[in-house]
Amino acid sequence: MVFKTLAQFVVLGCPWILGFFTNGRKELEILFLILNSQQGTFIFLIYCVLNNEVWQQYKKFFRCLCCIKQH
């Protein structure tokens, strides 16, 4: 839970800190936009892809698919 909290803090906080210091520099503005547009992707990775319970369900699902294909 601590990892998820820290990761969410980084994903949601750091781009805004970067955005505060852009001062009209186009490179930083573009980086700010890219990071903010990918926040949903990062949260999905943290809460779904890196979650053991979700991985167990994926394994169970793919085992069922393999069994169906063999029959």
PDB file of N, CA and C in Angstrom:
ATOM      1  N   MET A   1       0.815  -1.192   0.000  1.00  0.00           N
ATOM      2  CA  MET A   1       0.000   0.000   0.000  1.00  0.00           C
ATOM      3  C   MET A   1       0.864   1.264   0.000  1.00  0.00           C
ATOM      4  N   VAL A   2       2.011   1.200   0.675  1.00  0.00           N
ATOM      5  CA  VAL A   2       2.913   2.346   0.707  1.00  0.00           C
ATOM      6  C   VAL A   2       3.467   2.613  -0.683  1.00  0.00           C
ATOM      7  N   PHE A   3       3.804   1.535  -1.413  1.00  0.00           N
ATOM      8  CA  PHE A   3       4.310   1.703  -2.777  1.00  0.00           C
ATOM      9  C   PHE A   3       3.274   2.394  -3.651  1.00  0.00           C
ATOM     10  N   LYS A   4       2.014   1.972  -3.551  1.00  0.00           N
ATOM     11  CA  LYS A   4       0.963   2.582  -4.369  1.00  0.00           C
ATOM     12  C   LYS A   4       0.767   4.049  -4.013  1.00  0.00           C
ATOM     13  N   THR A   5       0.838   4.360  -2.743  1.00  0.00           N
ATOM     14  CA  THR A   5       0.673   5.748  -2.313  1.00  0.00           C
ATOM     15  C   THR A   5       1.811   6.623  -2.819  1.00  0.00           C
ATOM     16  N   LEU A   6       3.040   6.146  -2.672  1.00  0.00           N
ATOM     17  CA  LEU A   6       4.184   6.921  -3.154  1.00  0.00           C
ATOM     18  C   LEU A   6       4.179   7.052  -4.677  1.00  0.00           C
ATOM     19  N   ALA A   7       3.829   5.968  -5.350  1.00  0.00           N
ATOM     20  CA  ALA A   7       3.779   6.018  -6.809  1.00  0.00           C
ATOM     21  C   ALA A   7       2.707   6.990  -7.283  1.00  0.00           C
ATOM     22  N   GLN A   8       1.565   6.980  -6.625  1.00  0.00           N
ATOM     23  CA  GLN A   8       0.500   7.904  -7.008  1.00  0.00           C
ATOM     24  C   GLN A   8       0.912   9.347  -6.724  1.00  0.00           C
ATOM     25  N   PHE A   9       1.611   9.578  -5.648  1.00  0.00           N
ATOM     26  CA  PHE A   9       2.124  10.915  -5.349  1.00  0.00           C
ATOM     27  C   PHE A   9       3.052  11.398  -6.459  1.00  0.00           C
ATOM     28  N   VAL A  10       3.939  10.526  -6.914  1.00  0.00           N
ATOM     29  CA  VAL A  10       4.886  10.891  -7.972  1.00  0.00           C
ATOM     30  C   VAL A  10       4.144  11.136  -9.286  1.00  0.00           C
ATOM     31  N   VAL A  11       3.221  10.224  -9.625  1.00  0.00           N
ATOM     32  CA  VAL A  11       2.491  10.331 -10.897  1.00  0.00           C
ATOM     33  C   VAL A  11       1.647  11.597 -10.946  1.00  0.00           C
ATOM     34  N   LEU A  12       0.990  11.935  -9.849  1.00  0.00           N
ATOM     35  CA  LEU A  12       0.098  13.088  -9.859  1.00  0.00           C
ATOM     36  C   LEU A  12       0.790  14.396  -9.481  1.00  0.00           C
ATOM     37  N   GLY A  13       1.869  14.324  -8.703  1.00  0.00           N
ATOM     38  CA  GLY A  13       2.491  15.537  -8.203  1.00  0.00           C
ATOM     39  C   GLY A  13       3.616  16.083  -9.040  1.00  0.00           C
ATOM     40  N   CYS A  14       4.493  15.224  -9.487  1.00  0.00           N
ATOM     41  CA  CYS A  14       5.690  15.700 -10.189  1.00  0.00           C
ATOM     42  C   CYS A  14       5.404  16.460 -11.483  1.00  0.00           C
ATOM     43  N   PRO A  15       4.462  16.024 -12.309  1.00  0.00           N
ATOM     44  CA  PRO A  15       4.204  16.829 -13.513  1.00  0.00           C
ATOM     45  C   PRO A  15       3.753  18.246 -13.198  1.00  0.00           C
ATOM     46  N   TRP A  16       3.000  18.423 -12.113  1.00  0.00           N
ATOM     47  CA  TRP A  16       2.545  19.763 -11.766  1.00  0.00           C
ATOM     48  C   TRP A  16       3.675  20.609 -11.213  1.00  0.00           C
ATOM     49  N   ILE A  17       4.608  19.997 -10.523  1.00  0.00           N
ATOM     50  CA  ILE A  17       5.791  20.740 -10.077  1.00  0.00           C
ATOM     51  C   ILE A  17       6.584  21.186 -11.304  1.00  0.00           C
ATOM     52  N   LEU A  18       6.722  20.290 -12.272  1.00  0.00           N
ATOM     53  CA  LEU A  18       7.387  20.635 -13.523  1.00  0.00           C
ATOM     54  C   LEU A  18       6.641  21.762 -14.232  1.00  0.00           C
ATOM     55  N   GLY A  19       5.312  21.682 -14.269  1.00  0.00           N
ATOM     56  CA  GLY A  19       4.502  22.714 -14.919  1.00  0.00           C
ATOM     57  C   GLY A  19       4.645  24.073 -14.267  1.00  0.00           C
ATOM     58  N   PHE A  20       4.878  24.092 -12.977  1.00  0.00           N
ATOM     59  CA  PHE A  20       5.057  25.352 -12.267  1.00  0.00           C
ATOM     60  C   PHE A  20       6.339  26.061 -12.695  1.00  0.00           C
ATOM     61  N   PHE A  21       7.353  25.295 -13.076  1.00  0.00           N
ATOM     62  CA  PHE A  21       8.656  25.875 -13.423  1.00  0.00           C
ATOM     63  C   PHE A  21       8.903  25.975 -14.938  1.00  0.00           C
ATOM     64  N   THR A  22       7.883  25.855 -15.758  1.00  0.00           N
ATOM     65  CA  THR A  22       8.102  25.910 -17.212  1.00  0.00           C
ATOM     66  C   THR A  22       8.548  27.293 -17.670  1.00  0.00           C
ATOM     67  N   ASN A  23       7.949  28.343 -17.145  1.00  0.00           N
ATOM     68  CA  ASN A  23       8.321  29.732 -17.477  1.00  0.00           C
ATOM     69  C   ASN A  23       8.399  29.975 -18.985  1.00  0.00           C
ATOM     70  N   GLY A  24       7.466  29.424 -19.727  1.00  0.00           N
ATOM     71  CA  GLY A  24       7.408  29.682 -21.162  1.00  0.00           C
ATOM     72  C   GLY A  24       8.368  28.867 -22.004  1.00  0.00           C
ATOM     73  N   ARG A  25       9.110  27.950 -21.414  1.00  0.00           N
ATOM     74  CA  ARG A  25      10.022  27.105 -22.193  1.00  0.00           C
ATOM     75  C   ARG A  25       9.213  25.996 -22.840  1.00  0.00           C
ATOM     76  N   LYS A  26       9.256  25.942 -24.159  1.00  0.00           N
ATOM     77  CA  LYS A  26       8.429  25.013 -24.930  1.00  0.00           C
ATOM     78  C   LYS A  26       8.749  23.555 -24.623  1.00  0.00           C
ATOM     79  N   GLU A  27      10.017  23.227 -24.410  1.00  0.00           N
ATOM     80  CA  GLU A  27      10.386  21.833 -24.150  1.00  0.00           C
ATOM     81  C   GLU A  27       9.734  21.339 -22.864  1.00  0.00           C
ATOM     82  N   LEU A  28       9.776  22.157 -21.823  1.00  0.00           N
ATOM     83  CA  LEU A  28       9.177  21.767 -20.552  1.00  0.00           C
ATOM     84  C   LEU A  28       7.658  21.737 -20.627  1.00  0.00           C
ATOM     85  N   GLU A  29       7.077  22.638 -21.411  1.00  0.00           N
ATOM     86  CA  GLU A  29       5.622  22.628 -21.586  1.00  0.00           C
ATOM     87  C   GLU A  29       5.163  21.352 -22.284  1.00  0.00           C
ATOM     88  N   ILE A  30       5.918  20.929 -23.295  1.00  0.00           N
ATOM     89  CA  ILE A  30       5.577  19.696 -24.005  1.00  0.00           C
ATOM     90  C   ILE A  30       5.728  18.488 -23.081  1.00  0.00           C
ATOM     91  N   LEU A  31       6.795  18.442 -22.306  1.00  0.00           N
ATOM     92  CA  LEU A  31       6.996  17.357 -21.347  1.00  0.00           C
ATOM     93  C   LEU A  31       5.880  17.347 -20.303  1.00  0.00           C
ATOM     94  N   PHE A  32       5.476  18.520 -19.844  1.00  0.00           N
ATOM     95  CA  PHE A  32       4.368  18.648 -18.898  1.00  0.00           C
ATOM     96  C   PHE A  32       3.079  18.085 -19.493  1.00  0.00           C
ATOM     97  N   LEU A  33       2.792  18.437 -20.731  1.00  0.00           N
ATOM     98  CA  LEU A  33       1.574  17.944 -21.386  1.00  0.00           C
ATOM     99  C   LEU A  33       1.596  16.427 -21.562  1.00  0.00           C
ATOM    100  N   ILE A  34       2.739  15.889 -21.959  1.00  0.00           N
ATOM    101  CA  ILE A  34       2.852  14.444 -22.159  1.00  0.00           C
ATOM    102  C   ILE A  34       2.654  13.699 -20.840  1.00  0.00           C
ATOM    103  N   LEU A  35       3.319  14.165 -19.786  1.00  0.00           N
ATOM    104  CA  LEU A  35       3.185  13.499 -18.489  1.00  0.00           C
ATOM    105  C   LEU A  35       1.757  13.585 -17.946  1.00  0.00           C
ATOM    106  N   ASN A  36       1.116  14.733 -18.089  1.00  0.00           N
ATOM    107  CA  ASN A  36      -0.255  14.872 -17.606  1.00  0.00           C
ATOM    108  C   ASN A  36      -1.235  14.042 -18.421  1.00  0.00           C
ATOM    109  N   SER A  37      -0.997  13.916 -19.701  1.00  0.00           N
ATOM    110  CA  SER A  37      -1.912  13.129 -20.525  1.00  0.00           C
ATOM    111  C   SER A  37      -1.785  11.636 -20.256  1.00  0.00           C
ATOM    112  N   GLN A  38      -0.677  11.210 -19.676  1.00  0.00           N
ATOM    113  CA  GLN A  38      -0.459   9.788 -19.406  1.00  0.00           C
ATOM    114  C   GLN A  38      -0.728   9.401 -17.955  1.00  0.00           C
ATOM    115  N   GLN A  39      -1.269  10.292 -17.161  1.00  0.00           N
ATOM    116  CA  GLN A  39      -1.517   9.971 -15.759  1.00  0.00           C
ATOM    117  C   GLN A  39      -2.459   8.786 -15.596  1.00  0.00           C
ATOM    118  N   GLY A  40      -3.495   8.702 -16.406  1.00  0.00           N
ATOM    119  CA  GLY A  40      -4.415   7.568 -16.335  1.00  0.00           C
ATOM    120  C   GLY A  40      -3.718   6.259 -16.649  1.00  0.00           C
ATOM    121  N   THR A  41      -2.829   6.286 -17.619  1.00  0.00           N
ATOM    122  CA  THR A  41      -2.065   5.088 -17.967  1.00  0.00           C
ATOM    123  C   THR A  41      -1.184   4.655 -16.808  1.00  0.00           C
ATOM    124  N   PHE A  42      -0.518   5.606 -16.169  1.00  0.00           N
ATOM    125  CA  PHE A  42       0.345   5.286 -15.041  1.00  0.00           C
ATOM    126  C   PHE A  42      -0.458   4.718 -13.872  1.00  0.00           C
ATOM    127  N   ILE A  43      -1.615   5.289 -13.609  1.00  0.00           N
ATOM    128  CA  ILE A  43      -2.454   4.790 -12.513  1.00  0.00           C
ATOM    129  C   ILE A  43      -2.943   3.383 -12.830  1.00  0.00           C
ATOM    130  N   PHE A  44      -3.318   3.112 -14.085  1.00  0.00           N
ATOM    131  CA  PHE A  44      -3.715   1.762 -14.487  1.00  0.00           C
ATOM    132  C   PHE A  44      -2.569   0.781 -14.256  1.00  0.00           C
ATOM    133  N   LEU A  45      -1.367   1.156 -14.628  1.00  0.00           N
ATOM    134  CA  LEU A  45      -0.215   0.278 -14.426  1.00  0.00           C
ATOM    135  C   LEU A  45       0.013  -0.010 -12.949  1.00  0.00           C
ATOM    136  N   ILE A  46      -0.096   1.005 -12.118  1.00  0.00           N
ATOM    137  CA  ILE A  46       0.160   0.841 -10.692  1.00  0.00           C
ATOM    138  C   ILE A  46      -0.906  -0.035 -10.036  1.00  0.00           C
ATOM    139  N   TYR A  47      -2.178   0.225 -10.328  1.00  0.00           N
ATOM    140  CA  TYR A  47      -3.250  -0.463  -9.615  1.00  0.00           C
ATOM    141  C   TYR A  47      -3.696  -1.771 -10.266  1.00  0.00           C
ATOM    142  N   CYS A  48      -3.435  -1.965 -11.537  1.00  0.00           N
ATOM    143  CA  CYS A  48      -3.887  -3.187 -12.200  1.00  0.00           C
ATOM    144  C   CYS A  48      -2.742  -4.107 -12.602  1.00  0.00           C
ATOM    145  N   VAL A  49      -1.789  -3.604 -13.326  1.00  0.00           N
ATOM    146  CA  VAL A  49      -0.720  -4.447 -13.847  1.00  0.00           C
ATOM    147  C   VAL A  49       0.220  -4.902 -12.732  1.00  0.00           C
ATOM    148  N   LEU A  50       0.503  -4.038 -11.771  1.00  0.00           N
ATOM    149  CA  LEU A  50       1.423  -4.387 -10.695  1.00  0.00           C
ATOM    150  C   LEU A  50       0.725  -5.003  -9.473  1.00  0.00           C
ATOM    151  N   ASN A  51      -0.543  -5.382  -9.617  1.00  0.00           N
ATOM    152  CA  ASN A  51      -1.312  -5.941  -8.517  1.00  0.00           C
ATOM    153  C   ASN A  51      -1.299  -7.468  -8.593  1.00  0.00           C
ATOM    154  N   ASN A  52      -0.917  -8.127  -7.510  1.00  0.00           N
ATOM    155  CA  ASN A  52      -0.839  -9.588  -7.502  1.00  0.00           C
ATOM    156  C   ASN A  52      -2.190 -10.258  -7.679  1.00  0.00           C
ATOM    157  N   GLU A  53      -3.230  -9.694  -7.102  1.00  0.00           N
ATOM    158  CA  GLU A  53      -4.560 -10.281  -7.241  1.00  0.00           C
ATOM    159  C   GLU A  53      -5.008 -10.281  -8.704  1.00  0.00           C
ATOM    160  N   VAL A  54      -4.717  -9.210  -9.395  1.00  0.00           N
ATOM    161  CA  VAL A  54      -5.079  -9.128 -10.811  1.00  0.00           C
ATOM    162  C   VAL A  54      -4.284 -10.150 -11.612  1.00  0.00           C
ATOM    163  N   TRP A  55      -2.986 -10.311 -11.300  1.00  0.00           N
ATOM    164  CA  TRP A  55      -2.164 -11.297 -12.003  1.00  0.00           C
ATOM    165  C   TRP A  55      -2.691 -12.706 -11.774  1.00  0.00           C
ATOM    166  N   GLN A  56      -3.164 -12.999 -10.585  1.00  0.00           N
ATOM    167  CA  GLN A  56      -3.716 -14.329 -10.305  1.00  0.00           C
ATOM    168  C   GLN A  56      -4.959 -14.578 -11.161  1.00  0.00           C
ATOM    169  N   GLN A  57      -5.782 -13.563 -11.326  1.00  0.00           N
ATOM    170  CA  GLN A  57      -6.973 -13.713 -12.165  1.00  0.00           C
ATOM    171  C   GLN A  57      -6.604 -13.880 -13.640  1.00  0.00           C
ATOM    172  N   TYR A  58      -5.577 -13.147 -14.089  1.00  0.00           N
ATOM    173  CA  TYR A  58      -5.103 -13.327 -15.467  1.00  0.00           C
ATOM    174  C   TYR A  58      -4.622 -14.752 -15.692  1.00  0.00           C
ATOM    175  N   LYS A  59      -3.843 -15.291 -14.764  1.00  0.00           N
ATOM    176  CA  LYS A  59      -3.338 -16.663 -14.885  1.00  0.00           C
ATOM    177  C   LYS A  59      -4.491 -17.652 -14.948  1.00  0.00           C
ATOM    178  N   LYS A  60      -5.464 -17.460 -14.081  1.00  0.00           N
ATOM    179  CA  LYS A  60      -6.634 -18.341 -14.052  1.00  0.00           C
ATOM    180  C   LYS A  60      -7.388 -18.281 -15.388  1.00  0.00           C
ATOM    181  N   PHE A  61      -7.552 -17.071 -15.907  1.00  0.00           N
ATOM    182  CA  PHE A  61      -8.263 -16.885 -17.171  1.00  0.00           C
ATOM    183  C   PHE A  61      -7.528 -17.551 -18.329  1.00  0.00           C
ATOM    184  N   PHE A  62      -6.208 -17.349 -18.419  1.00  0.00           N
ATOM    185  CA  PHE A  62      -5.447 -17.922 -19.521  1.00  0.00           C
ATOM    186  C   PHE A  62      -5.340 -19.438 -19.423  1.00  0.00           C
ATOM    187  N   ARG A  63      -5.332 -19.978 -18.201  1.00  0.00           N
ATOM    188  CA  ARG A  63      -5.354 -21.430 -18.053  1.00  0.00           C
ATOM    189  C   ARG A  63      -6.651 -21.993 -18.602  1.00  0.00           C
ATOM    190  N   CYS A  64      -7.758 -21.305 -18.330  1.00  0.00           N
ATOM    191  CA  CYS A  64      -9.055 -21.746 -18.863  1.00  0.00           C
ATOM    192  C   CYS A  64      -9.062 -21.684 -20.388  1.00  0.00           C
ATOM    193  N   LEU A  65      -8.467 -20.638 -20.951  1.00  0.00           N
ATOM    194  CA  LEU A  65      -8.406 -20.518 -22.408  1.00  0.00           C
ATOM    195  C   LEU A  65      -7.584 -21.652 -23.012  1.00  0.00           C
ATOM    196  N   CYS A  66      -6.479 -21.990 -22.378  1.00  0.00           N
ATOM    197  CA  CYS A  66      -5.627 -23.081 -22.891  1.00  0.00           C
ATOM    198  C   CYS A  66      -6.356 -24.403 -22.827  1.00  0.00           C
ATOM    199  N   CYS A  67      -7.118 -24.623 -21.756  1.00  0.00           N
ATOM    200  CA  CYS A  67      -7.855 -25.881 -21.619  1.00  0.00           C
ATOM    201  C   CYS A  67      -8.951 -25.999 -22.678  1.00  0.00           C
ATOM    202  N   ILE A  68      -9.593 -24.884 -22.981  1.00  0.00           N
ATOM    203  CA  ILE A  68     -10.653 -24.907 -23.996  1.00  0.00           C
ATOM    204  C   ILE A  68     -10.074 -25.178 -25.375  1.00  0.00           C
ATOM    205  N   LYS A  69      -8.930 -24.587 -25.701  1.00  0.00           N
ATOM    206  CA  LYS A  69      -8.298 -24.797 -27.009  1.00  0.00           C
ATOM    207  C   LYS A  69      -7.841 -26.230 -27.193  1.00  0.00           C
ATOM    208  N   GLN A  70      -7.421 -26.902 -26.115  1.00  0.00           N
ATOM    209  CA  GLN A  70      -6.931 -28.275 -26.212  1.00  0.00           C
ATOM    210  C   GLN A  70      -8.055 -29.272 -26.451  1.00  0.00           C
ATOM    211  N   HIS A  71      -9.271 -28.941 -26.047  1.00  0.00           N
ATOM    212  CA  HIS A  71     -10.398 -29.870 -26.205  1.00  0.00           C
ATOM    213  C   HIS A  71     -11.082 -29.644 -27.481  1.00  0.00           C
TER     214      HIS A  71
END
